[in-house]
Amino acid sequence: MSFNYGREEKKWRLWKEAEEKQLRSLGVSEDTIEQLHTHD
């Protein structure tokens, strides 16, 4: 079985988008979300 970088990156991006949506619904500031995104 080979590693498909494109597929894994797509799964990661979808996971991060869901995480950011949840953080926004909890009232986390955009600055904090941006810092998390930059760190990841």
C-alpha atoms as a PDB file:
ATOM      1  CA  MET A   1       0.000   0.000   0.000  1.00  0.00           C
ATOM      2  CA  SER A   2       1.441   3.361  -0.986  1.00  0.00           C
ATOM      3  CA  PHE A   3       1.121   6.725   0.730  1.00  0.00           C
ATOM      4  CA  ASN A   4      -0.980   9.234  -1.181  1.00  0.00           C
ATOM      5  CA  TYR A   5       0.119  12.685  -0.010  1.00  0.00           C
ATOM      6  CA  GLY A   6      -2.698  14.516  -1.802  1.00  0.00           C
ATOM      7  CA  ARG A   7      -5.417  12.404  -0.217  1.00  0.00           C
ATOM      8  CA  GLU A   8      -3.904  12.718   3.247  1.00  0.00           C
ATOM      9  CA  GLU A   9      -3.520  16.478   2.890  1.00  0.00           C
ATOM     10  CA  LYS A  10      -7.179  16.767   1.849  1.00  0.00           C
ATOM     11  CA  LYS A  11      -8.268  14.765   4.919  1.00  0.00           C
ATOM     12  CA  TRP A  12      -6.106  16.995   7.137  1.00  0.00           C
ATOM     13  CA  ARG A  13      -7.538  20.183   5.626  1.00  0.00           C
ATOM     14  CA  LEU A  14     -11.117  18.976   6.133  1.00  0.00           C
ATOM     15  CA  TRP A  15     -10.288  18.097   9.748  1.00  0.00           C
ATOM     16  CA  LYS A  16      -8.742  21.541  10.339  1.00  0.00           C
ATOM     17  CA  GLU A  17     -11.732  23.328   8.779  1.00  0.00           C
ATOM     18  CA  ALA A  18     -14.102  21.421  11.073  1.00  0.00           C
ATOM     19  CA  GLU A  19     -11.884  22.237  14.055  1.00  0.00           C
ATOM     20  CA  GLU A  20     -11.852  25.947  13.174  1.00  0.00           C
ATOM     21  CA  LYS A  21     -15.640  25.951  12.750  1.00  0.00           C
ATOM     22  CA  GLN A  22     -16.025  24.407  16.191  1.00  0.00           C
ATOM     23  CA  LEU A  23     -13.616  26.920  17.742  1.00  0.00           C
ATOM     24  CA  ARG A  24     -15.577  29.806  16.209  1.00  0.00           C
ATOM     25  CA  SER A  25     -18.845  28.421  17.576  1.00  0.00           C
ATOM     26  CA  LEU A  26     -17.236  28.315  21.039  1.00  0.00           C
ATOM     27  CA  GLY A  27     -16.263  31.986  20.771  1.00  0.00           C
ATOM     28  CA  VAL A  28     -12.511  31.632  20.290  1.00  0.00           C
ATOM     29  CA  SER A  29     -10.978  34.783  18.816  1.00  0.00           C
ATOM     30  CA  GLU A  30      -9.837  34.848  15.185  1.00  0.00           C
ATOM     31  CA  ASP A  31      -6.317  35.763  16.324  1.00  0.00           C
ATOM     32  CA  THR A  32      -6.085  32.584  18.377  1.00  0.00           C
ATOM     33  CA  ILE A  33      -7.446  30.474  15.515  1.00  0.00           C
ATOM     34  CA  GLU A  34      -4.902  32.042  13.162  1.00  0.00           C
ATOM     35  CA  GLN A  35      -2.089  31.266  15.599  1.00  0.00           C
ATOM     36  CA  LEU A  36      -3.212  27.641  15.798  1.00  0.00           C
ATOM     37  CA  HIS A  37      -3.420  27.422  12.015  1.00  0.00           C
ATOM     38  CA  THR A  38       0.064  28.891  11.630  1.00  0.00           C
ATOM     39  CA  HIS A  39       1.475  26.552  14.264  1.00  0.00           C
ATOM     40  CA  ASP A  40       0.028  23.455  12.564  1.00  0.00           C
END
